[in-house]
Full PDB file with SEQRES, HELIX, SHEET, SSBOND, CRYST1, ORIGX, SCALE, CONECT and MASTER records, all heavy atoms in Angstrom:
SEQRES   1 A   38  VAL TYR GLU MET SER GLU ARG ILE PHE ILE ASP SER MET          
SEQRES   2 A   38  TYR TYR SER ASN HIS SER VAL ALA TYR GLU SER ASP LEU          
SEQRES   3 A   38  LEU ALA GLU LYS THR PHE THR PRO ASP LEU SER THR              
CRYST1    1.000    1.000    1.000  90.00  90.00  90.00 P 1           1          
ORIGX1      1.000000  0.000000  0.000000        0.00000                         
ORIGX2      0.000000  1.000000  0.000000        0.00000                         
ORIGX3      0.000000  0.000000  1.000000        0.00000                         
SCALE1      1.000000  0.000000  0.000000        0.00000                         
SCALE2      0.000000  1.000000  0.000000        0.00000                         
SCALE3      0.000000  0.000000  1.000000        0.00000                         
ATOM      1  N   VAL A   1     -68.917  -8.303  15.958  1.00  0.00           N  
ATOM      2  CA  VAL A   1     -68.903  -6.874  15.523  1.00  0.00           C  
ATOM      3  C   VAL A   1     -70.461  -6.472  15.619  1.00  0.00           C  
ATOM      4  O   VAL A   1     -71.379  -7.138  15.091  1.00  0.00           O  
ATOM      5  CB  VAL A   1     -68.481  -6.681  14.085  1.00  0.00           C  
ATOM      6  CG1 VAL A   1     -68.452  -5.162  13.682  1.00  0.00           C  
ATOM      7  CG2 VAL A   1     -67.111  -7.158  13.880  1.00  0.00           C  
ATOM      8  N   TYR A   2     -70.631  -5.225  16.231  1.00  0.00           N  
ATOM      9  CA  TYR A   2     -72.037  -4.631  16.259  1.00  0.00           C  
ATOM     10  C   TYR A   2     -72.013  -3.288  15.794  1.00  0.00           C  
ATOM     11  O   TYR A   2     -70.904  -2.554  15.829  1.00  0.00           O  
ATOM     12  CB  TYR A   2     -72.516  -4.662  17.676  1.00  0.00           C  
ATOM     13  CG  TYR A   2     -72.528  -6.039  18.484  1.00  0.00           C  
ATOM     14  CD1 TYR A   2     -71.479  -6.548  18.946  1.00  0.00           C  
ATOM     15  CD2 TYR A   2     -73.763  -6.723  18.429  1.00  0.00           C  
ATOM     16  CE1 TYR A   2     -71.427  -7.870  19.491  1.00  0.00           C  
ATOM     17  CE2 TYR A   2     -73.849  -7.973  19.047  1.00  0.00           C  
ATOM     18  CZ  TYR A   2     -72.684  -8.527  19.539  1.00  0.00           C  
ATOM     19  OH  TYR A   2     -72.707  -9.835  20.173  1.00  0.00           O  
ATOM     20  N   GLU A   3     -73.191  -2.636  15.514  1.00  0.00           N  
ATOM     21  CA  GLU A   3     -73.224  -1.282  15.225  1.00  0.00           C  
ATOM     22  C   GLU A   3     -73.465  -0.496  16.522  1.00  0.00           C  
ATOM     23  O   GLU A   3     -74.349  -0.942  17.405  1.00  0.00           O  
ATOM     24  CB  GLU A   3     -74.403  -0.986  14.290  1.00  0.00           C  
ATOM     25  CG  GLU A   3     -74.539   0.420  13.822  1.00  0.00           C  
ATOM     26  CD  GLU A   3     -75.701   0.779  12.882  1.00  0.00           C  
ATOM     27  OE1 GLU A   3     -76.467  -0.241  12.400  1.00  0.00           O  
ATOM     28  OE2 GLU A   3     -76.051   1.900  12.757  1.00  0.00           O  
ATOM     29  N   MET A   4     -72.805   0.635  16.693  1.00  0.00           N  
ATOM     30  CA  MET A   4     -72.952   1.444  17.806  1.00  0.00           C  
ATOM     31  C   MET A   4     -74.286   2.236  17.813  1.00  0.00           C  
ATOM     32  O   MET A   4     -74.707   2.560  16.641  1.00  0.00           O  
ATOM     33  CB  MET A   4     -71.830   2.490  17.931  1.00  0.00           C  
ATOM     34  CG  MET A   4     -70.448   1.705  18.387  1.00  0.00           C  
ATOM     35  SD  MET A   4     -69.112   2.789  18.012  1.00  0.00           S  
ATOM     36  CE  MET A   4     -69.529   4.340  18.763  1.00  0.00           C  
ATOM     37  N   SER A   5     -74.922   2.280  18.913  1.00  0.00           N  
ATOM     38  CA  SER A   5     -76.260   3.033  18.914  1.00  0.00           C  
ATOM     39  C   SER A   5     -76.076   4.288  19.745  1.00  0.00           C  
ATOM     40  O   SER A   5     -77.080   5.028  20.045  1.00  0.00           O  
ATOM     41  CB  SER A   5     -77.365   2.178  19.596  1.00  0.00           C  
ATOM     42  OG  SER A   5     -77.043   1.705  20.930  1.00  0.00           O  
ATOM     43  N   GLU A   6     -74.857   4.669  20.069  1.00  0.00           N  
ATOM     44  CA  GLU A   6     -74.607   5.855  20.838  1.00  0.00           C  
ATOM     45  C   GLU A   6     -73.262   6.474  20.111  1.00  0.00           C  
ATOM     46  O   GLU A   6     -72.370   5.799  19.830  1.00  0.00           O  
ATOM     47  CB  GLU A   6     -74.272   5.593  22.241  1.00  0.00           C  
ATOM     48  CG  GLU A   6     -73.976   6.731  23.215  1.00  0.00           C  
ATOM     49  CD  GLU A   6     -73.543   6.397  24.587  1.00  0.00           C  
ATOM     50  OE1 GLU A   6     -73.872   5.207  24.947  1.00  0.00           O  
ATOM     51  OE2 GLU A   6     -73.008   7.177  25.305  1.00  0.00           O  
ATOM     52  N   ARG A   7     -73.381   7.862  20.057  1.00  0.00           N  
ATOM     53  CA  ARG A   7     -72.254   8.427  19.370  1.00  0.00           C  
ATOM     54  C   ARG A   7     -71.162   8.816  20.247  1.00  0.00           C  
ATOM     55  O   ARG A   7     -71.343   8.922  21.526  1.00  0.00           O  
ATOM     56  CB  ARG A   7     -72.831   9.818  18.754  1.00  0.00           C  
ATOM     57  CG  ARG A   7     -71.718  10.551  17.922  1.00  0.00           C  
ATOM     58  CD  ARG A   7     -72.227  11.855  17.305  1.00  0.00           C  
ATOM     59  NE  ARG A   7     -71.042  12.550  16.789  1.00  0.00           N  
ATOM     60  CZ  ARG A   7     -71.143  13.815  16.342  1.00  0.00           C  
ATOM     61  NH1 ARG A   7     -72.277  14.408  16.190  1.00  0.00           N  
ATOM     62  NH2 ARG A   7     -70.025  14.399  15.869  1.00  0.00           N  
ATOM     63  N   ILE A   8     -69.936   8.811  19.800  1.00  0.00           N  
ATOM     64  CA  ILE A   8     -68.722   9.154  20.466  1.00  0.00           C  
ATOM     65  C   ILE A   8     -68.175  10.388  19.768  1.00  0.00           C  
ATOM     66  O   ILE A   8     -68.418  10.709  18.650  1.00  0.00           O  
ATOM     67  CB  ILE A   8     -67.635   7.990  20.583  1.00  0.00           C  
ATOM     68  CG1 ILE A   8     -67.192   7.524  19.163  1.00  0.00           C  
ATOM     69  CG2 ILE A   8     -68.261   6.894  21.491  1.00  0.00           C  
ATOM     70  CD1 ILE A   8     -66.170   6.437  19.248  1.00  0.00           C  
ATOM     71  N   PHE A   9     -67.336  11.116  20.572  1.00  0.00           N  
ATOM     72  CA  PHE A   9     -66.800  12.391  20.029  1.00  0.00           C  
ATOM     73  C   PHE A   9     -65.340  12.538  20.084  1.00  0.00           C  
ATOM     74  O   PHE A   9     -64.634  12.097  20.988  1.00  0.00           O  
ATOM     75  CB  PHE A   9     -67.438  13.617  20.908  1.00  0.00           C  
ATOM     76  CG  PHE A   9     -68.927  13.531  20.911  1.00  0.00           C  
ATOM     77  CD1 PHE A   9     -69.675  12.731  21.747  1.00  0.00           C  
ATOM     78  CD2 PHE A   9     -69.716  14.308  19.892  1.00  0.00           C  
ATOM     79  CE1 PHE A   9     -71.078  12.771  21.701  1.00  0.00           C  
ATOM     80  CE2 PHE A   9     -71.047  14.331  19.877  1.00  0.00           C  
ATOM     81  CZ  PHE A   9     -71.766  13.489  20.724  1.00  0.00           C  
ATOM     82  N   ILE A  10     -64.775  13.081  19.029  1.00  0.00           N  
ATOM     83  CA  ILE A  10     -63.298  13.287  18.941  1.00  0.00           C  
ATOM     84  C   ILE A  10     -62.634  14.093  19.914  1.00  0.00           C  
ATOM     85  O   ILE A  10     -61.541  14.017  20.410  1.00  0.00           O  
ATOM     86  CB  ILE A  10     -62.865  13.710  17.470  1.00  0.00           C  
ATOM     87  CG1 ILE A  10     -61.395  13.687  17.232  1.00  0.00           C  
ATOM     88  CG2 ILE A  10     -63.460  15.155  17.295  1.00  0.00           C  
ATOM     89  CD1 ILE A  10     -60.887  12.265  17.118  1.00  0.00           C  
ATOM     90  N   ASP A  11     -63.336  15.019  20.495  1.00  0.00           N  
ATOM     91  CA  ASP A  11     -62.818  16.045  21.469  1.00  0.00           C  
ATOM     92  C   ASP A  11     -63.122  15.558  22.922  1.00  0.00           C  
ATOM     93  O   ASP A  11     -63.023  16.351  23.827  1.00  0.00           O  
ATOM     94  CB  ASP A  11     -63.453  17.373  21.216  1.00  0.00           C  
ATOM     95  CG  ASP A  11     -64.909  17.509  21.239  1.00  0.00           C  
ATOM     96  OD1 ASP A  11     -65.557  16.428  21.296  1.00  0.00           O  
ATOM     97  OD2 ASP A  11     -65.429  18.627  21.109  1.00  0.00           O  
ATOM     98  N   SER A  12     -63.705  14.341  23.209  1.00  0.00           N  
ATOM     99  CA  SER A  12     -64.021  13.928  24.461  1.00  0.00           C  
ATOM    100  C   SER A  12     -62.922  12.824  24.847  1.00  0.00           C  
ATOM    101  O   SER A  12     -62.220  12.261  23.948  1.00  0.00           O  
ATOM    102  CB  SER A  12     -65.358  13.165  24.524  1.00  0.00           C  
ATOM    103  OG  SER A  12     -66.361  14.082  24.328  1.00  0.00           O  
ATOM    104  N   MET A  13     -62.661  12.605  26.149  1.00  0.00           N  
ATOM    105  CA  MET A  13     -61.672  11.640  26.741  1.00  0.00           C  
ATOM    106  C   MET A  13     -62.447  10.452  27.078  1.00  0.00           C  
ATOM    107  O   MET A  13     -63.479  10.499  27.706  1.00  0.00           O  
ATOM    108  CB  MET A  13     -60.948  12.266  27.904  1.00  0.00           C  
ATOM    109  CG  MET A  13     -59.956  13.358  27.467  1.00  0.00           C  
ATOM    110  SD  MET A  13     -58.889  13.831  28.761  1.00  0.00           S  
ATOM    111  CE  MET A  13     -59.979  14.295  30.032  1.00  0.00           C  
ATOM    112  N   TYR A  14     -61.920   9.317  26.696  1.00  0.00           N  
ATOM    113  CA  TYR A  14     -62.407   7.935  26.955  1.00  0.00           C  
ATOM    114  C   TYR A  14     -61.436   7.242  27.634  1.00  0.00           C  
ATOM    115  O   TYR A  14     -60.285   7.128  27.258  1.00  0.00           O  
ATOM    116  CB  TYR A  14     -63.014   7.324  25.722  1.00  0.00           C  
ATOM    117  CG  TYR A  14     -64.131   8.105  25.071  1.00  0.00           C  
ATOM    118  CD1 TYR A  14     -63.888   8.947  24.014  1.00  0.00           C  
ATOM    119  CD2 TYR A  14     -65.468   7.940  25.372  1.00  0.00           C  
ATOM    120  CE1 TYR A  14     -64.888   9.637  23.411  1.00  0.00           C  
ATOM    121  CE2 TYR A  14     -66.486   8.602  24.848  1.00  0.00           C  
ATOM    122  CZ  TYR A  14     -66.193   9.512  23.798  1.00  0.00           C  
ATOM    123  OH  TYR A  14     -67.285  10.134  23.294  1.00  0.00           O  
ATOM    124  N   TYR A  15     -61.796   6.357  28.587  1.00  0.00           N  
ATOM    125  CA  TYR A  15     -60.975   5.554  29.433  1.00  0.00           C  
ATOM    126  C   TYR A  15     -61.266   4.066  29.301  1.00  0.00           C  
ATOM    127  O   TYR A  15     -62.425   3.736  28.672  1.00  0.00           O  
ATOM    128  CB  TYR A  15     -61.045   5.987  30.852  1.00  0.00           C  
ATOM    129  CG  TYR A  15     -60.367   7.319  31.107  1.00  0.00           C  
ATOM    130  CD1 TYR A  15     -61.139   8.443  30.868  1.00  0.00           C  
ATOM    131  CD2 TYR A  15     -59.180   7.439  31.555  1.00  0.00           C  
ATOM    132  CE1 TYR A  15     -60.590   9.761  31.036  1.00  0.00           C  
ATOM    133  CE2 TYR A  15     -58.588   8.694  31.803  1.00  0.00           C  
ATOM    134  CZ  TYR A  15     -59.276   9.827  31.459  1.00  0.00           C  
ATOM    135  OH  TYR A  15     -58.749  11.103  31.734  1.00  0.00           O  
ATOM    136  N   SER A  16     -60.364   3.221  29.796  1.00  0.00           N  
ATOM    137  CA  SER A  16     -60.506   1.764  29.553  1.00  0.00           C  
ATOM    138  C   SER A  16     -61.733   1.120  30.164  1.00  0.00           C  
ATOM    139  O   SER A  16     -62.110  -0.005  29.817  1.00  0.00           O  
ATOM    140  CB  SER A  16     -59.193   1.160  30.031  1.00  0.00           C  
ATOM    141  OG  SER A  16     -58.991   1.453  31.444  1.00  0.00           O  
ATOM    142  N   ASN A  17     -62.376   1.869  31.141  1.00  0.00           N  
ATOM    143  CA  ASN A  17     -63.581   1.366  31.704  1.00  0.00           C  
ATOM    144  C   ASN A  17     -64.720   1.901  31.182  1.00  0.00           C  
ATOM    145  O   ASN A  17     -65.953   1.650  31.638  1.00  0.00           O  
ATOM    146  CB  ASN A  17     -63.530   1.505  33.336  1.00  0.00           C  
ATOM    147  CG  ASN A  17     -63.372   2.923  33.660  1.00  0.00           C  
ATOM    148  OD1 ASN A  17     -63.254   3.881  32.762  1.00  0.00           O  
ATOM    149  ND2 ASN A  17     -63.438   3.158  34.892  1.00  0.00           N  
ATOM    150  N   HIS A  18     -64.686   2.696  30.197  1.00  0.00           N  
ATOM    151  CA  HIS A  18     -65.895   3.278  29.557  1.00  0.00           C  
ATOM    152  C   HIS A  18     -66.529   2.372  28.549  1.00  0.00           C  
ATOM    153  O   HIS A  18     -65.867   1.638  27.774  1.00  0.00           O  
ATOM    154  CB  HIS A  18     -65.478   4.636  28.769  1.00  0.00           C  
ATOM    155  CG  HIS A  18     -66.690   5.578  28.529  1.00  0.00           C  
ATOM    156  ND1 HIS A  18     -66.910   6.653  29.396  1.00  0.00           N  
ATOM    157  CD2 HIS A  18     -67.497   5.518  27.520  1.00  0.00           C  
ATOM    158  CE1 HIS A  18     -67.942   7.169  28.875  1.00  0.00           C  
ATOM    159  NE2 HIS A  18     -68.325   6.581  27.690  1.00  0.00           N  
ATOM    160  N   SER A  19     -67.892   2.408  28.430  1.00  0.00           N  
ATOM    161  CA  SER A  19     -68.652   1.548  27.488  1.00  0.00           C  
ATOM    162  C   SER A  19     -69.622   2.466  26.777  1.00  0.00           C  
ATOM    163  O   SER A  19     -70.070   3.529  27.262  1.00  0.00           O  
ATOM    164  CB  SER A  19     -69.397   0.504  28.210  1.00  0.00           C  
ATOM    165  OG  SER A  19     -68.538  -0.441  28.807  1.00  0.00           O  
ATOM    166  N   VAL A  20     -70.016   2.047  25.605  1.00  0.00           N  
ATOM    167  CA  VAL A  20     -70.951   2.833  24.739  1.00  0.00           C  
ATOM    168  C   VAL A  20     -71.993   1.774  24.286  1.00  0.00           C  
ATOM    169  O   VAL A  20     -71.765   0.679  23.923  1.00  0.00           O  
ATOM    170  CB  VAL A  20     -70.303   3.428  23.511  1.00  0.00           C  
ATOM    171  CG1 VAL A  20     -71.219   3.997  22.471  1.00  0.00           C  
ATOM    172  CG2 VAL A  20     -69.243   4.598  23.913  1.00  0.00           C  
ATOM    173  N   ALA A  21     -73.276   2.267  24.206  1.00  0.00           N  
ATOM    174  CA  ALA A  21     -74.481   1.416  23.704  1.00  0.00           C  
ATOM    175  C   ALA A  21     -74.185   0.935  22.352  1.00  0.00           C  
ATOM    176  O   ALA A  21     -73.765   1.671  21.611  1.00  0.00           O  
ATOM    177  CB  ALA A  21     -75.738   2.143  24.048  1.00  0.00           C  
ATOM    178  N   TYR A  22     -74.647  -0.205  22.050  1.00  0.00           N  
ATOM    179  CA  TYR A  22     -74.644  -0.741  20.686  1.00  0.00           C  
ATOM    180  C   TYR A  22     -75.876  -1.582  20.369  1.00  0.00           C  
ATOM    181  O   TYR A  22     -76.555  -2.048  21.326  1.00  0.00           O  
ATOM    182  CB  TYR A  22     -73.421  -1.635  20.368  1.00  0.00           C  
ATOM    183  CG  TYR A  22     -73.181  -2.860  21.440  1.00  0.00           C  
ATOM    184  CD1 TYR A  22     -73.766  -4.059  21.098  1.00  0.00           C  
ATOM    185  CD2 TYR A  22     -72.546  -2.603  22.633  1.00  0.00           C  
ATOM    186  CE1 TYR A  22     -73.513  -5.108  21.947  1.00  0.00           C  
ATOM    187  CE2 TYR A  22     -72.397  -3.738  23.517  1.00  0.00           C  
ATOM    188  CZ  TYR A  22     -72.924  -4.990  23.168  1.00  0.00           C  
ATOM    189  OH  TYR A  22     -72.775  -6.010  24.073  1.00  0.00           O  
ATOM    190  N   GLU A  23     -76.248  -1.804  19.104  1.00  0.00           N  
ATOM    191  CA  GLU A  23     -77.428  -2.444  18.699  1.00  0.00           C  
ATOM    192  C   GLU A  23     -77.305  -3.941  19.037  1.00  0.00           C  
ATOM    193  O   GLU A  23     -76.222  -4.530  19.086  1.00  0.00           O  
ATOM    194  CB  GLU A  23     -77.578  -2.360  17.177  1.00  0.00           C  
ATOM    195  CG  GLU A  23     -77.668  -0.933  16.759  1.00  0.00           C  
ATOM    196  CD  GLU A  23     -78.991  -0.231  17.048  1.00  0.00           C  
ATOM    197  OE1 GLU A  23     -79.921  -0.953  17.540  1.00  0.00           O  
ATOM    198  OE2 GLU A  23     -79.120   1.058  16.980  1.00  0.00           O  
ATOM    199  N   SER A  24     -78.418  -4.603  19.263  1.00  0.00           N  
ATOM    200  CA  SER A  24     -78.434  -6.093  19.683  1.00  0.00           C  
ATOM    201  C   SER A  24     -78.141  -6.932  18.540  1.00  0.00           C  
ATOM    202  O   SER A  24     -77.686  -8.087  18.668  1.00  0.00           O  
ATOM    203  CB  SER A  24     -79.811  -6.439  20.375  1.00  0.00           C  
ATOM    204  OG  SER A  24     -80.781  -6.156  19.456  1.00  0.00           O  
ATOM    205  N   ASP A  25     -78.487  -6.495  17.254  1.00  0.00           N  
ATOM    206  CA  ASP A  25     -78.252  -7.379  16.144  1.00  0.00           C  
ATOM    207  C   ASP A  25     -76.734  -7.559  15.844  1.00  0.00           C  
ATOM    208  O   ASP A  25     -75.964  -6.585  15.760  1.00  0.00           O  
ATOM    209  CB  ASP A  25     -78.946  -6.832  14.949  1.00  0.00           C  
ATOM    210  CG  ASP A  25     -80.431  -6.734  14.917  1.00  0.00           C  
ATOM    211  OD1 ASP A  25     -80.947  -7.516  15.736  1.00  0.00           O  
ATOM    212  OD2 ASP A  25     -81.099  -6.016  14.285  1.00  0.00           O  
ATOM    213  N   LEU A  26     -76.303  -8.811  15.674  1.00  0.00           N  
ATOM    214  CA  LEU A  26     -74.917  -9.149  15.543  1.00  0.00           C  
ATOM    215  C   LEU A  26     -74.678  -8.949  13.868  1.00  0.00           C  
ATOM    216  O   LEU A  26     -75.193  -9.637  13.106  1.00  0.00           O  
ATOM    217  CB  LEU A  26     -74.654 -10.558  15.907  1.00  0.00           C  
ATOM    218  CG  LEU A  26     -73.243 -11.133  15.734  1.00  0.00           C  
ATOM    219  CD1 LEU A  26     -72.308 -10.340  16.558  1.00  0.00           C  
ATOM    220  CD2 LEU A  26     -73.262 -12.609  16.109  1.00  0.00           C  
ATOM    221  N   LEU A  27     -73.772  -8.184  13.637  1.00  0.00           N  
ATOM    222  CA  LEU A  27     -73.367  -8.055  12.234  1.00  0.00           C  
ATOM    223  C   LEU A  27     -72.358  -9.059  11.726  1.00  0.00           C  
ATOM    224  O   LEU A  27     -72.450  -9.504  10.573  1.00  0.00           O  
ATOM    225  CB  LEU A  27     -72.589  -6.653  12.084  1.00  0.00           C  
ATOM    226  CG  LEU A  27     -73.326  -5.399  12.322  1.00  0.00           C  
ATOM    227  CD1 LEU A  27     -72.401  -4.173  12.146  1.00  0.00           C  
ATOM    228  CD2 LEU A  27     -74.558  -5.175  11.392  1.00  0.00           C  
ATOM    229  N   ALA A  28     -71.513  -9.513  12.653  1.00  0.00           N  
ATOM    230  CA  ALA A  28     -70.618 -10.591  12.114  1.00  0.00           C  
ATOM    231  C   ALA A  28     -69.966 -11.257  13.321  1.00  0.00           C  
ATOM    232  O   ALA A  28     -69.831 -10.683  14.415  1.00  0.00           O  
ATOM    233  CB  ALA A  28     -69.428  -9.977  11.360  1.00  0.00           C  
ATOM    234  N   GLU A  29     -69.609 -12.556  13.150  1.00  0.00           N  
ATOM    235  CA  GLU A  29     -68.897 -13.366  14.139  1.00  0.00           C  
ATOM    236  C   GLU A  29     -67.838 -14.089  13.376  1.00  0.00           C  
ATOM    237  O   GLU A  29     -68.122 -14.845  12.418  1.00  0.00           O  
ATOM    238  CB  GLU A  29     -69.897 -14.334  14.814  1.00  0.00           C  
ATOM    239  CG  GLU A  29     -69.102 -15.213  15.879  1.00  0.00           C  
ATOM    240  CD  GLU A  29     -70.151 -16.002  16.666  1.00  0.00           C  
ATOM    241  OE1 GLU A  29     -70.710 -15.445  17.596  1.00  0.00           O  
ATOM    242  OE2 GLU A  29     -70.103 -17.175  16.279  1.00  0.00           O  
ATOM    243  N   LYS A  30     -66.625 -14.021  13.792  1.00  0.00           N  
ATOM    244  CA  LYS A  30     -65.461 -14.671  13.138  1.00  0.00           C  
ATOM    245  C   LYS A  30     -64.548 -15.312  14.038  1.00  0.00           C  
ATOM    246  O   LYS A  30     -64.105 -14.762  14.991  1.00  0.00           O  
ATOM    247  CB  LYS A  30     -64.707 -13.668  12.132  1.00  0.00           C  
ATOM    248  CG  LYS A  30     -63.532 -14.185  11.297  1.00  0.00           C  
ATOM    249  CD  LYS A  30     -62.841 -13.129  10.669  1.00  0.00           C  
ATOM    250  CE  LYS A  30     -61.840 -13.703   9.631  1.00  0.00           C  
ATOM    251  NZ  LYS A  30     -62.422 -14.329   8.533  1.00  0.00           N  
ATOM    252  N   THR A  31     -64.279 -16.609  13.797  1.00  0.00           N  
ATOM    253  CA  THR A  31     -63.192 -17.342  14.627  1.00  0.00           C  
ATOM    254  C   THR A  31     -62.072 -17.534  13.658  1.00  0.00           C  
ATOM    255  O   THR A  31     -62.191 -18.016  12.530  1.00  0.00           O  
ATOM    256  CB  THR A  31     -63.732 -18.723  15.022  1.00  0.00           C  
ATOM    257  OG1 THR A  31     -64.890 -18.548  15.941  1.00  0.00           O  
ATOM    258  CG2 THR A  31     -62.664 -19.469  15.753  1.00  0.00           C  
ATOM    259  N   PHE A  32     -60.891 -17.099  14.177  1.00  0.00           N  
ATOM    260  CA  PHE A  32     -59.696 -17.264  13.284  1.00  0.00           C  
ATOM    261  C   PHE A  32     -58.482 -17.347  14.182  1.00  0.00           C  
ATOM    262  O   PHE A  32     -58.495 -17.127  15.345  1.00  0.00           O  
ATOM    263  CB  PHE A  32     -59.652 -15.891  12.407  1.00  0.00           C  
ATOM    264  CG  PHE A  32     -59.340 -14.693  13.262  1.00  0.00           C  
ATOM    265  CD1 PHE A  32     -58.007 -14.079  13.321  1.00  0.00           C  
ATOM    266  CD2 PHE A  32     -60.378 -14.009  13.901  1.00  0.00           C  
ATOM    267  CE1 PHE A  32     -57.924 -12.949  14.099  1.00  0.00           C  
ATOM    268  CE2 PHE A  32     -60.267 -12.970  14.821  1.00  0.00           C  
ATOM    269  CZ  PHE A  32     -58.922 -12.450  14.900  1.00  0.00           C  
ATOM    270  N   THR A  33     -57.330 -17.688  13.473  1.00  0.00           N  
ATOM    271  CA  THR A  33     -56.078 -17.606  14.210  1.00  0.00           C  
ATOM    272  C   THR A  33     -55.232 -16.578  13.571  1.00  0.00           C  
ATOM    273  O   THR A  33     -55.016 -16.465  12.369  1.00  0.00           O  
ATOM    274  CB  THR A  33     -55.295 -19.029  13.967  1.00  0.00           C  
ATOM    275  OG1 THR A  33     -56.057 -20.098  14.456  1.00  0.00           O  
ATOM    276  CG2 THR A  33     -53.931 -18.992  14.653  1.00  0.00           C  
ATOM    277  N   PRO A  34     -54.844 -15.540  14.330  1.00  0.00           N  
ATOM    278  CA  PRO A  34     -54.119 -14.379  13.758  1.00  0.00           C  
ATOM    279  C   PRO A  34     -52.936 -14.764  12.922  1.00  0.00           C  
ATOM    280  O   PRO A  34     -52.066 -15.567  13.429  1.00  0.00           O  
ATOM    281  CB  PRO A  34     -53.686 -13.509  15.118  1.00  0.00           C  
ATOM    282  CG  PRO A  34     -54.763 -13.990  16.005  1.00  0.00           C  
ATOM    283  CD  PRO A  34     -55.066 -15.480  15.814  1.00  0.00           C  
ATOM    284  N   ASP A  35     -52.868 -14.317  11.797  1.00  0.00           N  
ATOM    285  CA  ASP A  35     -51.713 -14.543  10.936  1.00  0.00           C  
ATOM    286  C   ASP A  35     -51.083 -13.264  10.441  1.00  0.00           C  
ATOM    287  O   ASP A  35     -51.511 -12.571   9.617  1.00  0.00           O  
ATOM    288  CB  ASP A  35     -52.202 -15.321   9.701  1.00  0.00           C  
ATOM    289  CG  ASP A  35     -51.034 -15.795   8.817  1.00  0.00           C  
ATOM    290  OD1 ASP A  35     -49.839 -15.344   9.074  1.00  0.00           O  
ATOM    291  OD2 ASP A  35     -51.259 -16.609   7.897  1.00  0.00           O  
ATOM    292  N   LEU A  36     -49.960 -12.873  11.145  1.00  0.00           N  
ATOM    293  CA  LEU A  36     -49.256 -11.638  10.920  1.00  0.00           C  
ATOM    294  C   LEU A  36     -48.140 -11.765   9.858  1.00  0.00           C  
ATOM    295  O   LEU A  36     -47.367 -10.883   9.600  1.00  0.00           O  
ATOM    296  CB  LEU A  36     -48.726 -11.146  12.202  1.00  0.00           C  
ATOM    297  CG  LEU A  36     -49.648 -10.355  13.103  1.00  0.00           C  
ATOM    298  CD1 LEU A  36     -50.677 -11.369  13.677  1.00  0.00           C  
ATOM    299  CD2 LEU A  36     -48.917  -9.684  14.270  1.00  0.00           C  
ATOM    300  N   SER A  37     -47.972 -12.929   9.195  1.00  0.00           N  
ATOM    301  CA  SER A  37     -46.909 -13.069   8.329  1.00  0.00           C  
ATOM    302  C   SER A  37     -47.249 -13.495   6.876  1.00  0.00           C  
ATOM    303  O   SER A  37     -46.471 -13.207   5.977  1.00  0.00           O  
ATOM    304  CB  SER A  37     -45.928 -14.219   8.849  1.00  0.00           C  
ATOM    305  OG  SER A  37     -46.683 -15.361   8.953  1.00  0.00           O  
ATOM    306  N   THR A  38     -48.546 -13.801   6.623  1.00  0.00           N  
ATOM    307  CA  THR A  38     -49.007 -14.277   5.389  1.00  0.00           C  
ATOM    308  C   THR A  38     -49.713 -13.172   4.668  1.00  0.00           C  
ATOM    309  O   THR A  38     -50.640 -12.619   5.083  1.00  0.00           O  
ATOM    310  CB  THR A  38     -49.807 -15.470   5.422  1.00  0.00           C  
ATOM    311  OG1 THR A  38     -49.114 -16.507   6.052  1.00  0.00           O  
ATOM    312  CG2 THR A  38     -50.233 -16.034   3.934  1.00  0.00           C  
TER     313      THR A  38                                                      
MASTER        0    0    0    0    0    0    0    6  312    1    0    3          
END                                                                             
């Protein structure tokens, strides 16, 4: 997880190949096995 350094807008269209700038400092890293039942 990173903090975004570029704003996005609710009235704009974004596509699957679009990217937005983000800060280099890592906020979090988590390794887990998804558990959808517990």
